[in-house]
Amino acid sequence: MELNNLSPGLKEVALRNELLADVFFKAGLIEAWGRGTIKIIDECKKAGLPEPEFKEEFGGFAVYFYKDIYTEDNLRKIGLNERQIKAVRYVKEKGKITNKEYQELTKTSKPTATRDLRNLVDKGIVIMQGEAKRQIYYQLSQKRANNEPIEPKKSQ
């Protein structure tokens, strides 16, 4: 199998040996060529995990799974700005963040902090907790608000 630019997402898969793939298919050892990687990606998304990386290396094929969906690289792929990434790191360490803490941490105004935090909620990165204005804080979410796993935005 030859892999070309597979991560993020599966882009192109080509057979190295069509005859061998056909034998495996007819023997019932594989369902269809190329479906396994798609299933792996779908299952990772269902679990709220980032897409795995597929690499051809050392004469073989490797799949790298990542447990933490809140890595800086993944957050950048989602489209977060540096302030938001800094806040997510803070929440990972402290467990929560308030608007006031966000303002102090990122040295921004209240309206900017509110917009940034609202954007994090809209993207499903954090969930808003608390009742009264002064008691509102934000915690990390494992799923987007629409129950879809967090995944990188698609480049155009």
N, C-alpha and C. Protein backbone atom coordinates (compact mmCIF):
# COMPACT_ATOMS: atom_id res chain seq x y z
N MET A 1 0.85 -1.18 0.00
CA MET A 1 0.00 0.00 0.00
C MET A 1 0.89 1.23 0.00
N GLU A 2 0.56 2.21 -0.78
CA GLU A 2 1.31 3.45 -0.84
C GLU A 2 0.44 4.55 -0.25
N LEU A 3 0.98 5.31 0.68
CA LEU A 3 0.23 6.35 1.36
C LEU A 3 0.75 7.71 0.93
N ASN A 4 -0.15 8.60 0.59
CA ASN A 4 0.22 9.94 0.19
C ASN A 4 -0.56 10.95 1.01
N ASN A 5 0.12 11.70 1.87
CA ASN A 5 -0.51 12.77 2.64
C ASN A 5 -1.76 12.32 3.36
N LEU A 6 -1.68 11.25 4.12
CA LEU A 6 -2.87 10.73 4.76
C LEU A 6 -3.39 11.57 5.91
N SER A 7 -2.54 12.15 6.70
CA SER A 7 -3.03 12.87 7.87
C SER A 7 -2.93 14.36 7.64
N PRO A 8 -3.87 15.19 8.10
CA PRO A 8 -5.09 14.77 8.77
C PRO A 8 -6.10 14.24 7.75
N GLY A 9 -6.76 13.22 8.12
CA GLY A 9 -7.78 12.61 7.27
C GLY A 9 -7.16 11.72 6.21
N LEU A 10 -7.94 10.85 5.67
CA LEU A 10 -7.50 9.94 4.63
C LEU A 10 -7.68 10.60 3.28
N LYS A 11 -6.61 10.76 2.51
CA LYS A 11 -6.71 11.46 1.24
C LYS A 11 -6.55 10.53 0.06
N GLU A 12 -5.55 9.63 0.09
CA GLU A 12 -5.33 8.77 -1.06
C GLU A 12 -4.69 7.47 -0.61
N VAL A 13 -5.24 6.37 -1.08
CA VAL A 13 -4.68 5.07 -0.79
C VAL A 13 -4.58 4.34 -2.12
N ALA A 14 -3.43 3.73 -2.38
CA ALA A 14 -3.22 2.99 -3.62
C ALA A 14 -2.71 1.60 -3.27
N LEU A 15 -3.18 0.60 -3.97
CA LEU A 15 -2.75 -0.77 -3.75
C LEU A 15 -1.34 -0.98 -4.28
N ARG A 16 -0.54 -1.70 -3.52
CA ARG A 16 0.77 -2.10 -4.01
C ARG A 16 0.64 -3.41 -4.78
N ASN A 17 -0.27 -4.28 -4.28
CA ASN A 17 -0.42 -5.59 -4.88
C ASN A 17 -1.92 -5.93 -4.96
N GLU A 18 -2.53 -5.64 -6.10
CA GLU A 18 -3.97 -5.87 -6.26
C GLU A 18 -4.33 -7.34 -6.14
N LEU A 19 -3.47 -8.22 -6.64
CA LEU A 19 -3.73 -9.65 -6.57
C LEU A 19 -3.80 -10.13 -5.13
N LEU A 20 -2.86 -9.70 -4.31
CA LEU A 20 -2.85 -10.07 -2.90
C LEU A 20 -4.09 -9.53 -2.18
N ALA A 21 -4.45 -8.29 -2.45
CA ALA A 21 -5.64 -7.71 -1.84
C ALA A 21 -6.89 -8.50 -2.25
N ASP A 22 -6.95 -8.92 -3.51
CA ASP A 22 -8.10 -9.69 -4.00
C ASP A 22 -8.16 -11.04 -3.29
N VAL A 23 -7.02 -11.68 -3.08
CA VAL A 23 -6.98 -12.96 -2.37
C VAL A 23 -7.50 -12.79 -0.94
N PHE A 24 -7.03 -11.75 -0.24
CA PHE A 24 -7.49 -11.49 1.13
C PHE A 24 -9.00 -11.24 1.16
N PHE A 25 -9.50 -10.50 0.17
CA PHE A 25 -10.93 -10.21 0.10
C PHE A 25 -11.72 -11.50 -0.10
N LYS A 26 -11.31 -12.32 -1.06
CA LYS A 26 -12.02 -13.57 -1.36
C LYS A 26 -11.93 -14.57 -0.21
N ALA A 27 -10.87 -14.50 0.56
CA ALA A 27 -10.71 -15.39 1.71
C ALA A 27 -11.52 -14.89 2.91
N GLY A 28 -12.11 -13.71 2.79
CA GLY A 28 -12.90 -13.16 3.89
C GLY A 28 -12.07 -12.52 4.98
N LEU A 29 -10.80 -12.26 4.69
CA LEU A 29 -9.93 -11.64 5.70
C LEU A 29 -10.06 -10.12 5.73
N ILE A 30 -10.55 -9.54 4.66
CA ILE A 30 -10.85 -8.10 4.64
C ILE A 30 -12.20 -7.91 3.97
N GLU A 31 -12.93 -6.86 4.38
CA GLU A 31 -14.25 -6.57 3.80
C GLU A 31 -14.10 -5.96 2.41
N ALA A 32 -13.34 -4.91 2.37
CA ALA A 32 -13.12 -4.18 1.12
C ALA A 32 -11.84 -3.38 1.29
N TRP A 33 -11.15 -3.13 0.21
CA TRP A 33 -9.91 -2.39 0.28
C TRP A 33 -10.17 -0.94 0.64
N GLY A 34 -9.45 -0.42 1.64
CA GLY A 34 -9.55 0.99 2.01
C GLY A 34 -10.59 1.30 3.06
N ARG A 35 -11.46 0.36 3.41
CA ARG A 35 -12.52 0.62 4.39
C ARG A 35 -12.01 0.61 5.83
N GLY A 36 -10.96 -0.14 6.10
CA GLY A 36 -10.48 -0.25 7.48
C GLY A 36 -10.01 1.07 8.05
N THR A 37 -9.29 1.84 7.25
CA THR A 37 -8.79 3.13 7.74
C THR A 37 -9.95 4.09 7.96
N ILE A 38 -10.95 4.03 7.11
CA ILE A 38 -12.12 4.89 7.27
C ILE A 38 -12.86 4.53 8.56
N LYS A 39 -12.98 3.24 8.83
CA LYS A 39 -13.63 2.80 10.07
C LYS A 39 -12.85 3.26 11.29
N ILE A 40 -11.53 3.18 11.22
CA ILE A 40 -10.70 3.63 12.34
C ILE A 40 -10.95 5.12 12.61
N ILE A 41 -10.96 5.92 11.57
CA ILE A 41 -11.20 7.36 11.71
C ILE A 41 -12.57 7.61 12.31
N ASP A 42 -13.60 6.93 11.80
CA ASP A 42 -14.97 7.10 12.31
C ASP A 42 -15.08 6.74 13.79
N GLU A 43 -14.43 5.65 14.19
CA GLU A 43 -14.49 5.23 15.59
C GLU A 43 -13.77 6.22 16.50
N CYS A 44 -12.68 6.77 16.05
CA CYS A 44 -11.98 7.79 16.83
C CYS A 44 -12.88 9.02 17.01
N LYS A 45 -13.54 9.43 15.94
CA LYS A 45 -14.45 10.58 16.03
C LYS A 45 -15.58 10.30 17.01
N LYS A 46 -16.15 9.10 16.94
CA LYS A 46 -17.24 8.74 17.86
C LYS A 46 -16.79 8.80 19.31
N ALA A 47 -15.53 8.45 19.55
CA ALA A 47 -14.99 8.45 20.91
C ALA A 47 -14.52 9.84 21.35
N GLY A 48 -14.64 10.83 20.46
CA GLY A 48 -14.22 12.18 20.82
C GLY A 48 -12.71 12.36 20.78
N LEU A 49 -12.03 11.52 20.01
CA LEU A 49 -10.57 11.59 19.91
C LEU A 49 -10.16 12.21 18.58
N PRO A 50 -8.96 12.76 18.52
CA PRO A 50 -8.49 13.29 17.24
C PRO A 50 -8.28 12.16 16.24
N GLU A 51 -8.30 12.52 14.96
CA GLU A 51 -8.05 11.52 13.92
C GLU A 51 -6.65 10.95 14.11
N PRO A 52 -6.51 9.64 13.90
CA PRO A 52 -5.17 9.06 14.00
C PRO A 52 -4.32 9.45 12.81
N GLU A 53 -3.02 9.29 12.97
CA GLU A 53 -2.09 9.51 11.85
C GLU A 53 -1.75 8.17 11.24
N PHE A 54 -1.74 8.10 9.91
CA PHE A 54 -1.34 6.90 9.20
C PHE A 54 -0.02 7.19 8.52
N LYS A 55 0.95 6.32 8.77
CA LYS A 55 2.27 6.54 8.19
C LYS A 55 2.84 5.23 7.65
N GLU A 56 3.53 5.35 6.54
CA GLU A 56 4.31 4.23 6.03
C GLU A 56 5.74 4.49 6.48
N GLU A 57 6.27 3.59 7.29
CA GLU A 57 7.61 3.79 7.80
C GLU A 57 8.29 2.46 8.09
N PHE A 58 9.58 2.45 7.93
CA PHE A 58 10.40 1.26 8.19
C PHE A 58 9.88 0.03 7.45
N GLY A 59 9.41 0.24 6.23
CA GLY A 59 8.93 -0.87 5.41
C GLY A 59 7.58 -1.40 5.85
N GLY A 60 6.90 -0.72 6.74
CA GLY A 60 5.59 -1.17 7.23
C GLY A 60 4.61 -0.03 7.31
N PHE A 61 3.51 -0.28 7.95
CA PHE A 61 2.42 0.67 8.08
C PHE A 61 2.16 0.89 9.56
N ALA A 62 2.08 2.15 9.98
CA ALA A 62 1.85 2.48 11.39
C ALA A 62 0.64 3.38 11.53
N VAL A 63 -0.11 3.16 12.59
CA VAL A 63 -1.24 4.02 12.93
C VAL A 63 -0.96 4.59 14.31
N TYR A 64 -0.98 5.93 14.42
CA TYR A 64 -0.73 6.60 15.69
C TYR A 64 -2.05 7.15 16.22
N PHE A 65 -2.41 6.71 17.43
CA PHE A 65 -3.62 7.19 18.08
C PHE A 65 -3.23 8.20 19.15
N TYR A 66 -4.04 9.25 19.29
CA TYR A 66 -3.76 10.28 20.28
C TYR A 66 -4.90 10.37 21.26
N LYS A 67 -4.55 10.35 22.54
CA LYS A 67 -5.53 10.35 23.61
C LYS A 67 -6.05 11.76 23.91
N ASP A 68 -5.17 12.72 23.89
CA ASP A 68 -5.52 14.09 24.29
C ASP A 68 -5.99 14.89 23.08
N ILE A 69 -7.26 15.26 23.06
CA ILE A 69 -7.78 16.06 21.95
C ILE A 69 -7.42 17.53 22.10
N TYR A 70 -6.84 17.90 23.24
CA TYR A 70 -6.54 19.29 23.50
C TYR A 70 -5.05 19.61 23.34
N THR A 71 -4.37 18.95 22.43
CA THR A 71 -2.97 19.31 22.18
C THR A 71 -2.94 20.63 21.42
N GLU A 72 -1.85 21.37 21.55
CA GLU A 72 -1.74 22.66 20.87
C GLU A 72 -1.91 22.50 19.36
N ASP A 73 -1.30 21.48 18.81
CA ASP A 73 -1.38 21.25 17.37
C ASP A 73 -2.83 21.02 16.94
N ASN A 74 -3.55 20.19 17.68
CA ASN A 74 -4.95 19.92 17.34
C ASN A 74 -5.81 21.18 17.51
N LEU A 75 -5.54 21.95 18.55
CA LEU A 75 -6.31 23.19 18.78
C LEU A 75 -6.06 24.20 17.66
N ARG A 76 -4.84 24.26 17.16
CA ARG A 76 -4.55 25.14 16.02
C ARG A 76 -5.31 24.68 14.77
N LYS A 77 -5.35 23.36 14.56
CA LYS A 77 -6.07 22.81 13.41
C LYS A 77 -7.56 23.13 13.48
N ILE A 78 -8.09 23.21 14.69
CA ILE A 78 -9.50 23.55 14.87
C ILE A 78 -9.74 25.02 14.56
N GLY A 79 -8.68 25.84 14.68
CA GLY A 79 -8.81 27.25 14.35
C GLY A 79 -8.79 28.19 15.55
N LEU A 80 -8.28 27.72 16.69
CA LEU A 80 -8.23 28.58 17.86
C LEU A 80 -7.07 29.56 17.76
N ASN A 81 -7.28 30.75 18.34
CA ASN A 81 -6.19 31.73 18.37
C ASN A 81 -5.29 31.44 19.58
N GLU A 82 -4.17 32.17 19.66
CA GLU A 82 -3.18 31.91 20.72
C GLU A 82 -3.76 32.13 22.12
N ARG A 83 -4.64 33.15 22.26
CA ARG A 83 -5.26 33.39 23.57
C ARG A 83 -6.11 32.19 23.98
N GLN A 84 -6.88 31.68 23.05
CA GLN A 84 -7.75 30.55 23.35
C GLN A 84 -6.94 29.29 23.69
N ILE A 85 -5.86 29.08 22.96
CA ILE A 85 -4.99 27.93 23.24
C ILE A 85 -4.40 28.05 24.64
N LYS A 86 -3.97 29.25 24.98
CA LYS A 86 -3.42 29.50 26.32
C LYS A 86 -4.48 29.20 27.39
N ALA A 87 -5.72 29.59 27.12
CA ALA A 87 -6.81 29.36 28.07
C ALA A 87 -7.12 27.87 28.20
N VAL A 88 -7.09 27.14 27.09
CA VAL A 88 -7.36 25.69 27.15
C VAL A 88 -6.27 25.00 27.98
N ARG A 89 -5.01 25.40 27.79
CA ARG A 89 -3.92 24.84 28.60
C ARG A 89 -4.17 25.13 30.09
N TYR A 90 -4.62 26.35 30.38
CA TYR A 90 -4.93 26.75 31.76
C TYR A 90 -6.03 25.87 32.34
N VAL A 91 -7.09 25.66 31.56
CA VAL A 91 -8.21 24.84 32.04
C VAL A 91 -7.77 23.38 32.23
N LYS A 92 -6.91 22.89 31.35
CA LYS A 92 -6.39 21.53 31.52
C LYS A 92 -5.67 21.39 32.85
N GLU A 93 -4.95 22.45 33.24
CA GLU A 93 -4.17 22.42 34.48
C GLU A 93 -5.03 22.70 35.71
N LYS A 94 -5.90 23.72 35.62
CA LYS A 94 -6.65 24.17 36.79
C LYS A 94 -8.06 23.58 36.90
N GLY A 95 -8.61 23.08 35.78
CA GLY A 95 -9.94 22.49 35.82
C GLY A 95 -11.06 23.40 35.36
N LYS A 96 -10.82 24.70 35.43
CA LYS A 96 -11.85 25.66 35.00
C LYS A 96 -11.23 27.03 34.81
N ILE A 97 -12.00 27.93 34.18
CA ILE A 97 -11.57 29.31 34.00
C ILE A 97 -12.80 30.20 34.02
N THR A 98 -12.66 31.39 34.60
CA THR A 98 -13.73 32.39 34.57
C THR A 98 -13.38 33.46 33.53
N ASN A 99 -14.33 34.31 33.22
CA ASN A 99 -14.08 35.39 32.28
C ASN A 99 -12.97 36.30 32.83
N LYS A 100 -13.04 36.59 34.11
CA LYS A 100 -12.03 37.46 34.73
C LYS A 100 -10.64 36.82 34.66
N GLU A 101 -10.55 35.53 34.94
CA GLU A 101 -9.26 34.83 34.84
C GLU A 101 -8.75 34.85 33.40
N TYR A 102 -9.67 34.69 32.44
CA TYR A 102 -9.29 34.73 31.03
C TYR A 102 -8.70 36.10 30.69
N GLN A 103 -9.36 37.17 31.17
CA GLN A 103 -8.87 38.53 30.91
C GLN A 103 -7.46 38.72 31.47
N GLU A 104 -7.24 38.25 32.69
CA GLU A 104 -5.93 38.40 33.33
C GLU A 104 -4.87 37.54 32.63
N LEU A 105 -5.24 36.31 32.29
CA LEU A 105 -4.31 35.38 31.66
C LEU A 105 -3.86 35.85 30.29
N THR A 106 -4.81 36.38 29.52
CA THR A 106 -4.53 36.75 28.12
C THR A 106 -4.33 38.25 27.92
N LYS A 107 -4.49 39.02 29.01
CA LYS A 107 -4.33 40.48 28.96
C LYS A 107 -5.24 41.10 27.89
N THR A 108 -6.54 40.73 27.96
CA THR A 108 -7.52 41.26 27.01
C THR A 108 -8.64 41.96 27.76
N SER A 109 -9.47 42.64 27.00
CA SER A 109 -10.62 43.34 27.57
C SER A 109 -11.74 42.33 27.85
N LYS A 110 -12.73 42.77 28.61
CA LYS A 110 -13.86 41.89 28.91
C LYS A 110 -14.62 41.50 27.64
N PRO A 111 -14.90 42.44 26.71
CA PRO A 111 -15.60 42.03 25.48
C PRO A 111 -14.83 40.99 24.66
N THR A 112 -13.50 41.14 24.58
CA THR A 112 -12.69 40.17 23.83
C THR A 112 -12.72 38.82 24.52
N ALA A 113 -12.58 38.82 25.85
CA ALA A 113 -12.63 37.57 26.62
C ALA A 113 -13.98 36.89 26.43
N THR A 114 -15.05 37.67 26.47
CA THR A 114 -16.39 37.11 26.30
C THR A 114 -16.55 36.49 24.91
N ARG A 115 -16.08 37.20 23.88
CA ARG A 115 -16.16 36.67 22.50
C ARG A 115 -15.34 35.39 22.36
N ASP A 116 -14.12 35.41 22.88
CA ASP A 116 -13.26 34.23 22.79
C ASP A 116 -13.87 33.03 23.51
N LEU A 117 -14.38 33.25 24.70
CA LEU A 117 -14.99 32.16 25.46
C LEU A 117 -16.26 31.65 24.78
N ARG A 118 -17.06 32.58 24.26
CA ARG A 118 -18.28 32.18 23.53
C ARG A 118 -17.91 31.32 22.33
N ASN A 119 -16.83 31.70 21.63
CA ASN A 119 -16.35 30.93 20.48
C ASN A 119 -15.92 29.52 20.91
N LEU A 120 -15.25 29.42 22.06
CA LEU A 120 -14.84 28.11 22.57
C LEU A 120 -16.06 27.25 22.90
N VAL A 121 -17.11 27.88 23.43
CA VAL A 121 -18.36 27.16 23.72
C VAL A 121 -19.00 26.71 22.40
N ASP A 122 -19.09 27.63 21.44
CA ASP A 122 -19.70 27.31 20.14
C ASP A 122 -18.97 26.17 19.43
N LYS A 123 -17.66 26.10 19.59
CA LYS A 123 -16.88 25.03 18.95
C LYS A 123 -16.92 23.75 19.76
N GLY A 124 -17.53 23.81 20.95
CA GLY A 124 -17.64 22.61 21.77
C GLY A 124 -16.37 22.26 22.53
N ILE A 125 -15.45 23.21 22.64
CA ILE A 125 -14.20 22.96 23.36
C ILE A 125 -14.44 23.03 24.86
N VAL A 126 -15.23 24.02 25.28
CA VAL A 126 -15.57 24.17 26.69
C VAL A 126 -17.09 24.22 26.85
N ILE A 127 -17.53 23.94 28.07
CA ILE A 127 -18.95 24.10 28.40
C ILE A 127 -19.05 25.14 29.51
N MET A 128 -20.11 25.92 29.45
CA MET A 128 -20.32 26.97 30.44
C MET A 128 -21.07 26.37 31.63
N GLN A 129 -20.61 26.66 32.83
CA GLN A 129 -21.21 26.15 34.06
C GLN A 129 -21.57 27.32 34.96
N GLY A 130 -22.47 27.08 35.90
CA GLY A 130 -22.83 28.10 36.88
C GLY A 130 -24.13 28.79 36.51
N GLU A 131 -24.72 29.46 37.50
CA GLU A 131 -26.02 30.10 37.32
C GLU A 131 -25.92 31.62 37.20
N ALA A 132 -25.50 32.26 38.28
CA ALA A 132 -25.44 33.71 38.31
C ALA A 132 -24.21 34.20 37.56
N LYS A 133 -24.26 35.47 37.12
CA LYS A 133 -23.17 36.04 36.34
C LYS A 133 -21.81 35.83 36.97
N ARG A 134 -21.69 36.12 38.23
CA ARG A 134 -20.39 36.04 38.91
C ARG A 134 -19.98 34.59 39.21
N GLN A 135 -20.87 33.65 39.01
CA GLN A 135 -20.55 32.25 39.30
C GLN A 135 -20.28 31.44 38.02
N ILE A 136 -20.30 32.09 36.87
CA ILE A 136 -20.10 31.37 35.62
C ILE A 136 -18.61 31.06 35.41
N TYR A 137 -18.37 29.82 35.03
CA TYR A 137 -17.01 29.39 34.71
C TYR A 137 -17.09 28.40 33.54
N TYR A 138 -15.95 28.07 32.99
CA TYR A 138 -15.89 27.22 31.81
C TYR A 138 -14.99 26.02 32.09
N GLN A 139 -15.45 24.83 31.66
CA GLN A 139 -14.70 23.59 31.80
C GLN A 139 -14.56 22.93 30.43
N LEU A 140 -13.57 22.06 30.30
CA LEU A 140 -13.37 21.36 29.04
C LEU A 140 -14.51 20.39 28.77
N SER A 141 -14.81 20.25 27.49
CA SER A 141 -15.82 19.31 27.03
C SER A 141 -15.13 18.23 26.20
N GLN A 142 -15.60 17.00 26.25
CA GLN A 142 -15.05 15.94 25.41
C GLN A 142 -15.74 15.90 24.05
N LYS A 143 -16.88 16.53 23.94
CA LYS A 143 -17.63 16.51 22.68
C LYS A 143 -18.04 17.93 22.32
N ARG A 144 -18.29 18.16 21.06
CA ARG A 144 -18.81 19.45 20.62
C ARG A 144 -20.23 19.61 21.15
N ALA A 145 -20.73 20.83 21.12
CA ALA A 145 -22.07 21.12 21.61
C ALA A 145 -23.13 20.29 20.88
N ASN A 146 -22.92 19.98 19.60
CA ASN A 146 -23.89 19.21 18.83
C ASN A 146 -23.65 17.70 18.94
N ASN A 147 -22.87 17.29 19.97
CA ASN A 147 -22.53 15.89 20.23
C ASN A 147 -21.60 15.28 19.21
N GLU A 148 -21.03 16.08 18.33
CA GLU A 148 -20.04 15.57 17.40
C GLU A 148 -18.67 15.71 18.03
N PRO A 149 -17.79 14.74 17.82
CA PRO A 149 -16.44 14.85 18.37
C PRO A 149 -15.71 16.06 17.81
N ILE A 150 -14.78 16.58 18.58
CA ILE A 150 -13.96 17.69 18.15
C ILE A 150 -13.01 17.19 17.07
N GLU A 151 -12.94 17.89 15.96
CA GLU A 151 -12.03 17.50 14.88
C GLU A 151 -11.50 18.75 14.21
N PRO A 152 -10.38 18.64 13.56
CA PRO A 152 -9.81 19.82 12.89
C PRO A 152 -10.71 20.34 11.80
N LYS A 153 -10.66 21.66 11.59
CA LYS A 153 -11.43 22.23 10.48
C LYS A 153 -10.78 21.83 9.16
N LYS A 154 -11.59 21.66 8.15
CA LYS A 154 -11.08 21.24 6.84
C LYS A 154 -10.50 22.43 6.11
N SER A 155 -9.31 22.25 5.54
CA SER A 155 -8.71 23.34 4.76
C SER A 155 -9.34 23.34 3.37
N GLN A 156 -9.38 24.51 2.77
CA GLN A 156 -10.06 24.64 1.47
C GLN A 156 -9.10 24.72 0.33
